[in-house]
Amino acid sequence: MTDETAAISRDVTILVTRNGMGHAEPALAHKLAGTYFDLLDVENRLPGCICFYAEGVKLACAGSPVLETLAALEARGVEVIVCTTCLEFYGLKPQLAVGKAGNMKQIQAAQWEAARVLSI
């Protein structure tokens, strides 16, 4: 499948609640998250939405090692929602670099509208 024929799976929402993937050292957790997001892009497995909350919001902020890939996914039409409450809690709202600041109502709606919710 090429970029032109890739379809976004509106029935899939991915939840990201950690600053990386899994319970691992930060460098490994970031590497795993980077590989996961890269594969979504390369393999044309585009979810309808990726929601970031709790420590996961850090991946959508300046300095994150996965910003480039997240921006590419967003450019291809994947909705990226980043919890405003969490950004404010960590003092990161001014550093949001990809996606849109959203609220729990939007995150919950993305979950309810999806047939499949994946948590990484």
N, C-alpha and C. Protein backbone atom coordinates (compact mmCIF):
# COMPACT_ATOMS: atom_id res chain seq x y z
N MET A 1 0.84 -1.16 0.00
CA MET A 1 0.00 0.00 0.00
C MET A 1 0.89 1.24 0.00
N THR A 2 0.58 2.21 -0.81
CA THR A 2 1.37 3.43 -0.88
C THR A 2 0.74 4.49 0.02
N ASP A 3 1.47 5.58 0.20
CA ASP A 3 0.94 6.68 1.01
C ASP A 3 -0.39 7.17 0.47
N GLU A 4 -0.52 7.19 -0.85
CA GLU A 4 -1.74 7.71 -1.45
C GLU A 4 -2.95 6.81 -1.20
N THR A 5 -2.72 5.53 -0.98
CA THR A 5 -3.84 4.61 -0.79
C THR A 5 -4.02 4.19 0.66
N ALA A 6 -3.17 4.70 1.54
CA ALA A 6 -3.30 4.35 2.96
C ALA A 6 -4.59 4.94 3.50
N ALA A 7 -5.32 4.15 4.21
CA ALA A 7 -6.57 4.61 4.81
C ALA A 7 -6.38 4.71 6.32
N ILE A 8 -6.95 5.74 6.87
CA ILE A 8 -6.92 5.89 8.31
C ILE A 8 -8.01 5.00 8.89
N SER A 9 -7.65 4.23 9.91
CA SER A 9 -8.61 3.36 10.59
C SER A 9 -9.30 4.18 11.67
N ARG A 10 -10.39 4.82 11.31
CA ARG A 10 -11.11 5.68 12.26
C ARG A 10 -11.63 4.89 13.45
N ASP A 11 -11.70 3.57 13.31
CA ASP A 11 -12.22 2.75 14.41
C ASP A 11 -11.12 2.32 15.38
N VAL A 12 -9.91 2.87 15.22
CA VAL A 12 -8.79 2.54 16.12
C VAL A 12 -8.31 3.81 16.83
N THR A 13 -8.22 3.73 18.15
CA THR A 13 -7.64 4.80 18.96
C THR A 13 -6.51 4.20 19.78
N ILE A 14 -5.38 4.91 19.82
CA ILE A 14 -4.24 4.47 20.61
C ILE A 14 -4.09 5.41 21.80
N LEU A 15 -3.93 4.83 22.99
CA LEU A 15 -3.72 5.59 24.21
C LEU A 15 -2.26 5.50 24.62
N VAL A 16 -1.67 6.64 24.93
CA VAL A 16 -0.28 6.68 25.37
C VAL A 16 -0.26 7.35 26.73
N THR A 17 0.09 6.58 27.76
CA THR A 17 0.05 7.09 29.13
C THR A 17 1.42 7.17 29.79
N ARG A 18 2.45 6.75 29.06
CA ARG A 18 3.80 6.74 29.63
C ARG A 18 4.74 7.55 28.73
N ASN A 19 5.82 8.04 29.31
CA ASN A 19 6.83 8.77 28.56
C ASN A 19 7.77 7.75 27.92
N GLY A 20 7.23 7.04 26.96
CA GLY A 20 7.93 5.94 26.31
C GLY A 20 7.01 4.75 26.27
N MET A 21 7.58 3.59 26.04
CA MET A 21 6.78 2.38 25.90
C MET A 21 7.30 1.33 26.87
N GLY A 22 6.41 0.79 27.68
CA GLY A 22 6.78 -0.26 28.61
C GLY A 22 7.41 0.28 29.88
N HIS A 23 7.73 -0.62 30.76
CA HIS A 23 8.41 -0.30 32.02
C HIS A 23 9.89 -0.58 31.79
N ALA A 24 10.60 0.44 31.35
CA ALA A 24 12.01 0.25 30.98
C ALA A 24 12.78 1.52 31.28
N GLU A 25 14.10 1.44 31.17
CA GLU A 25 14.94 2.63 31.29
C GLU A 25 14.45 3.65 30.26
N PRO A 26 14.54 4.94 30.56
CA PRO A 26 14.03 5.95 29.63
C PRO A 26 14.53 5.82 28.19
N ALA A 27 15.80 5.56 28.00
CA ALA A 27 16.34 5.44 26.64
C ALA A 27 15.68 4.29 25.88
N LEU A 28 15.51 3.16 26.55
CA LEU A 28 14.86 2.01 25.91
C LEU A 28 13.38 2.29 25.68
N ALA A 29 12.71 2.88 26.66
CA ALA A 29 11.28 3.19 26.51
C ALA A 29 11.05 4.13 25.33
N HIS A 30 11.93 5.12 25.16
CA HIS A 30 11.81 6.05 24.03
C HIS A 30 12.10 5.34 22.72
N LYS A 31 13.09 4.47 22.70
CA LYS A 31 13.42 3.73 21.48
C LYS A 31 12.24 2.85 21.05
N LEU A 32 11.64 2.17 22.01
CA LEU A 32 10.49 1.31 21.70
C LEU A 32 9.32 2.13 21.16
N ALA A 33 9.04 3.26 21.80
CA ALA A 33 7.95 4.12 21.33
C ALA A 33 8.25 4.64 19.93
N GLY A 34 9.50 5.03 19.70
CA GLY A 34 9.88 5.51 18.38
C GLY A 34 9.68 4.46 17.31
N THR A 35 10.09 3.25 17.60
CA THR A 35 9.91 2.15 16.65
C THR A 35 8.43 1.89 16.40
N TYR A 36 7.64 1.89 17.45
CA TYR A 36 6.19 1.65 17.33
C TYR A 36 5.55 2.69 16.41
N PHE A 37 5.82 3.98 16.68
CA PHE A 37 5.22 5.04 15.86
C PHE A 37 5.76 5.02 14.43
N ASP A 38 7.06 4.75 14.26
CA ASP A 38 7.63 4.63 12.92
C ASP A 38 6.92 3.55 12.11
N LEU A 39 6.68 2.40 12.75
CA LEU A 39 6.02 1.30 12.04
C LEU A 39 4.59 1.65 11.65
N LEU A 40 3.89 2.41 12.48
CA LEU A 40 2.54 2.85 12.10
C LEU A 40 2.61 3.61 10.78
N ASP A 41 3.60 4.50 10.68
CA ASP A 41 3.76 5.33 9.49
C ASP A 41 4.21 4.50 8.29
N VAL A 42 5.28 3.73 8.45
CA VAL A 42 5.86 2.95 7.35
C VAL A 42 4.91 1.86 6.85
N GLU A 43 4.23 1.20 7.78
CA GLU A 43 3.34 0.10 7.41
C GLU A 43 1.93 0.57 7.06
N ASN A 44 1.71 1.89 7.06
CA ASN A 44 0.40 2.45 6.75
C ASN A 44 -0.70 1.93 7.66
N ARG A 45 -0.37 1.75 8.92
CA ARG A 45 -1.35 1.35 9.92
C ARG A 45 -1.72 2.61 10.70
N LEU A 46 -2.55 3.41 10.10
CA LEU A 46 -2.86 4.73 10.65
C LEU A 46 -4.12 4.68 11.50
N PRO A 47 -3.97 4.91 12.81
CA PRO A 47 -5.15 4.96 13.66
C PRO A 47 -5.92 6.26 13.42
N GLY A 48 -7.14 6.28 13.81
CA GLY A 48 -7.92 7.51 13.70
C GLY A 48 -7.43 8.56 14.67
N CYS A 49 -6.98 8.11 15.84
CA CYS A 49 -6.60 9.04 16.89
C CYS A 49 -5.53 8.43 17.79
N ILE A 50 -4.62 9.28 18.24
CA ILE A 50 -3.66 8.91 19.29
C ILE A 50 -3.88 9.91 20.41
N CYS A 51 -4.17 9.40 21.60
CA CYS A 51 -4.43 10.24 22.77
C CYS A 51 -3.27 10.11 23.75
N PHE A 52 -2.76 11.24 24.19
CA PHE A 52 -1.67 11.28 25.15
C PHE A 52 -2.18 11.87 26.45
N TYR A 53 -1.96 11.16 27.55
CA TYR A 53 -2.29 11.72 28.85
C TYR A 53 -1.34 11.14 29.89
N ALA A 54 -1.46 11.63 31.13
CA ALA A 54 -0.50 11.32 32.19
C ALA A 54 0.91 11.65 31.66
N GLU A 55 1.91 10.84 31.98
CA GLU A 55 3.28 11.13 31.52
C GLU A 55 3.44 11.02 30.01
N GLY A 56 2.47 10.42 29.34
CA GLY A 56 2.54 10.29 27.89
C GLY A 56 2.59 11.63 27.17
N VAL A 57 2.06 12.69 27.80
CA VAL A 57 2.07 14.00 27.14
C VAL A 57 3.49 14.47 26.83
N LYS A 58 4.45 13.99 27.58
CA LYS A 58 5.84 14.41 27.37
C LYS A 58 6.35 14.03 25.98
N LEU A 59 5.77 12.99 25.38
CA LEU A 59 6.19 12.56 24.04
C LEU A 59 5.75 13.54 22.96
N ALA A 60 4.77 14.38 23.26
CA ALA A 60 4.26 15.34 22.27
C ALA A 60 4.85 16.73 22.46
N CYS A 61 5.83 16.85 23.34
CA CYS A 61 6.40 18.16 23.68
C CYS A 61 7.82 18.31 23.14
N ALA A 62 8.26 19.56 23.08
CA ALA A 62 9.61 19.88 22.61
C ALA A 62 10.64 19.00 23.30
N GLY A 63 11.57 18.50 22.51
CA GLY A 63 12.63 17.65 23.04
C GLY A 63 12.33 16.16 22.99
N SER A 64 11.10 15.80 22.66
CA SER A 64 10.74 14.39 22.58
C SER A 64 11.45 13.72 21.40
N PRO A 65 11.94 12.50 21.60
CA PRO A 65 12.62 11.81 20.51
C PRO A 65 11.68 11.27 19.43
N VAL A 66 10.38 11.39 19.63
CA VAL A 66 9.43 10.85 18.64
C VAL A 66 8.63 11.94 17.93
N LEU A 67 9.00 13.19 18.12
CA LEU A 67 8.24 14.30 17.53
C LEU A 67 8.11 14.22 16.02
N GLU A 68 9.20 13.92 15.36
CA GLU A 68 9.18 13.89 13.89
C GLU A 68 8.18 12.87 13.37
N THR A 69 8.17 11.70 13.97
CA THR A 69 7.25 10.65 13.53
C THR A 69 5.81 11.03 13.87
N LEU A 70 5.59 11.58 15.06
CA LEU A 70 4.23 11.99 15.42
C LEU A 70 3.73 13.08 14.48
N ALA A 71 4.59 14.01 14.12
CA ALA A 71 4.21 15.06 13.18
C ALA A 71 3.87 14.47 11.82
N ALA A 72 4.62 13.46 11.39
CA ALA A 72 4.33 12.81 10.11
C ALA A 72 2.98 12.10 10.15
N LEU A 73 2.68 11.44 11.26
CA LEU A 73 1.38 10.78 11.40
C LEU A 73 0.25 11.80 11.38
N GLU A 74 0.45 12.90 12.09
CA GLU A 74 -0.57 13.95 12.12
C GLU A 74 -0.77 14.54 10.72
N ALA A 75 0.32 14.74 9.99
CA ALA A 75 0.25 15.28 8.63
C ALA A 75 -0.52 14.35 7.70
N ARG A 76 -0.51 13.07 8.02
CA ARG A 76 -1.24 12.09 7.19
C ARG A 76 -2.70 11.96 7.62
N GLY A 77 -3.12 12.74 8.61
CA GLY A 77 -4.52 12.77 8.99
C GLY A 77 -4.87 12.12 10.31
N VAL A 78 -3.88 11.61 11.03
CA VAL A 78 -4.14 11.02 12.34
C VAL A 78 -4.38 12.15 13.34
N GLU A 79 -5.50 12.08 14.04
CA GLU A 79 -5.78 13.08 15.07
C GLU A 79 -4.91 12.80 16.29
N VAL A 80 -4.28 13.83 16.82
CA VAL A 80 -3.42 13.69 18.00
C VAL A 80 -3.99 14.62 19.08
N ILE A 81 -4.47 14.01 20.16
CA ILE A 81 -5.04 14.78 21.27
C ILE A 81 -4.12 14.64 22.47
N VAL A 82 -3.76 15.77 23.06
CA VAL A 82 -2.84 15.80 24.20
C VAL A 82 -3.58 16.47 25.36
N CYS A 83 -3.64 15.78 26.47
CA CYS A 83 -4.40 16.22 27.64
C CYS A 83 -3.90 17.56 28.18
N THR A 84 -4.77 18.56 28.16
CA THR A 84 -4.42 19.88 28.67
C THR A 84 -4.13 19.85 30.16
N THR A 85 -4.95 19.14 30.92
CA THR A 85 -4.74 19.06 32.37
C THR A 85 -3.35 18.51 32.68
N CYS A 86 -2.94 17.49 31.94
CA CYS A 86 -1.63 16.87 32.16
C CYS A 86 -0.51 17.81 31.74
N LEU A 87 -0.67 18.49 30.61
CA LEU A 87 0.32 19.46 30.18
C LEU A 87 0.52 20.54 31.24
N GLU A 88 -0.59 21.03 31.79
CA GLU A 88 -0.51 22.05 32.82
C GLU A 88 0.12 21.50 34.10
N PHE A 89 -0.21 20.28 34.47
CA PHE A 89 0.35 19.66 35.67
C PHE A 89 1.87 19.60 35.59
N TYR A 90 2.39 19.22 34.43
CA TYR A 90 3.84 19.10 34.24
C TYR A 90 4.50 20.42 33.80
N GLY A 91 3.71 21.47 33.65
CA GLY A 91 4.25 22.75 33.20
C GLY A 91 4.73 22.73 31.76
N LEU A 92 4.09 21.91 30.94
CA LEU A 92 4.55 21.69 29.56
C LEU A 92 3.66 22.32 28.49
N LYS A 93 2.59 22.98 28.87
CA LYS A 93 1.67 23.50 27.85
C LYS A 93 2.37 24.36 26.80
N PRO A 94 3.29 25.25 27.19
CA PRO A 94 3.98 26.06 26.17
C PRO A 94 4.91 25.23 25.27
N GLN A 95 5.24 24.03 25.69
CA GLN A 95 6.17 23.20 24.93
C GLN A 95 5.48 22.19 24.01
N LEU A 96 4.15 22.21 23.98
CA LEU A 96 3.43 21.29 23.10
C LEU A 96 3.90 21.51 21.66
N ALA A 97 4.37 20.46 21.01
CA ALA A 97 4.97 20.59 19.69
C ALA A 97 4.21 19.85 18.60
N VAL A 98 3.37 18.93 18.98
CA VAL A 98 2.59 18.19 17.98
C VAL A 98 1.23 17.86 18.60
N GLY A 99 0.22 17.85 17.76
CA GLY A 99 -1.13 17.57 18.23
C GLY A 99 -1.81 18.81 18.76
N LYS A 100 -2.99 18.59 19.31
CA LYS A 100 -3.75 19.70 19.87
C LYS A 100 -4.05 19.40 21.32
N ALA A 101 -3.98 20.45 22.13
CA ALA A 101 -4.35 20.31 23.53
C ALA A 101 -5.85 20.05 23.59
N GLY A 102 -6.21 19.00 24.29
CA GLY A 102 -7.62 18.64 24.39
C GLY A 102 -7.98 18.30 25.82
N ASN A 103 -9.23 17.97 26.01
CA ASN A 103 -9.70 17.66 27.35
C ASN A 103 -10.13 16.20 27.45
N MET A 104 -10.47 15.79 28.67
CA MET A 104 -10.84 14.40 28.89
C MET A 104 -12.11 14.03 28.13
N LYS A 105 -12.98 14.97 27.91
CA LYS A 105 -14.20 14.70 27.14
C LYS A 105 -13.83 14.26 25.71
N GLN A 106 -12.85 14.94 25.12
CA GLN A 106 -12.41 14.58 23.76
C GLN A 106 -11.70 13.22 23.75
N ILE A 107 -10.88 12.98 24.77
CA ILE A 107 -10.18 11.70 24.85
C ILE A 107 -11.19 10.57 25.04
N GLN A 108 -12.16 10.78 25.91
CA GLN A 108 -13.18 9.77 26.15
C GLN A 108 -14.02 9.53 24.89
N ALA A 109 -14.35 10.58 24.17
CA ALA A 109 -15.12 10.44 22.93
C ALA A 109 -14.34 9.61 21.91
N ALA A 110 -13.03 9.85 21.80
CA ALA A 110 -12.21 9.07 20.87
C ALA A 110 -12.23 7.60 21.24
N GLN A 111 -12.25 7.30 22.53
CA GLN A 111 -12.30 5.91 22.98
C GLN A 111 -13.66 5.28 22.65
N TRP A 112 -14.72 5.99 22.95
CA TRP A 112 -16.07 5.44 22.73
C TRP A 112 -16.39 5.27 21.25
N GLU A 113 -15.84 6.15 20.42
CA GLU A 113 -16.12 6.08 18.99
C GLU A 113 -15.30 5.00 18.29
N ALA A 114 -14.27 4.52 18.94
CA ALA A 114 -13.40 3.50 18.35
C ALA A 114 -13.94 2.10 18.61
N ALA A 115 -13.78 1.25 17.63
CA ALA A 115 -14.11 -0.17 17.83
C ALA A 115 -12.99 -0.87 18.59
N ARG A 116 -11.75 -0.36 18.43
CA ARG A 116 -10.59 -0.92 19.10
C ARG A 116 -9.78 0.19 19.74
N VAL A 117 -9.47 -0.02 21.02
CA VAL A 117 -8.64 0.92 21.75
C VAL A 117 -7.38 0.17 22.17
N LEU A 118 -6.22 0.67 21.71
CA LEU A 118 -4.94 0.07 22.02
C LEU A 118 -4.22 0.95 23.01
N SER A 119 -3.68 0.36 24.05
CA SER A 119 -2.94 1.12 25.04
C SER A 119 -1.48 0.70 25.00
N ILE A 120 -0.59 1.69 24.82
CA ILE A 120 0.84 1.35 24.79
C ILE A 120 1.55 2.07 25.91
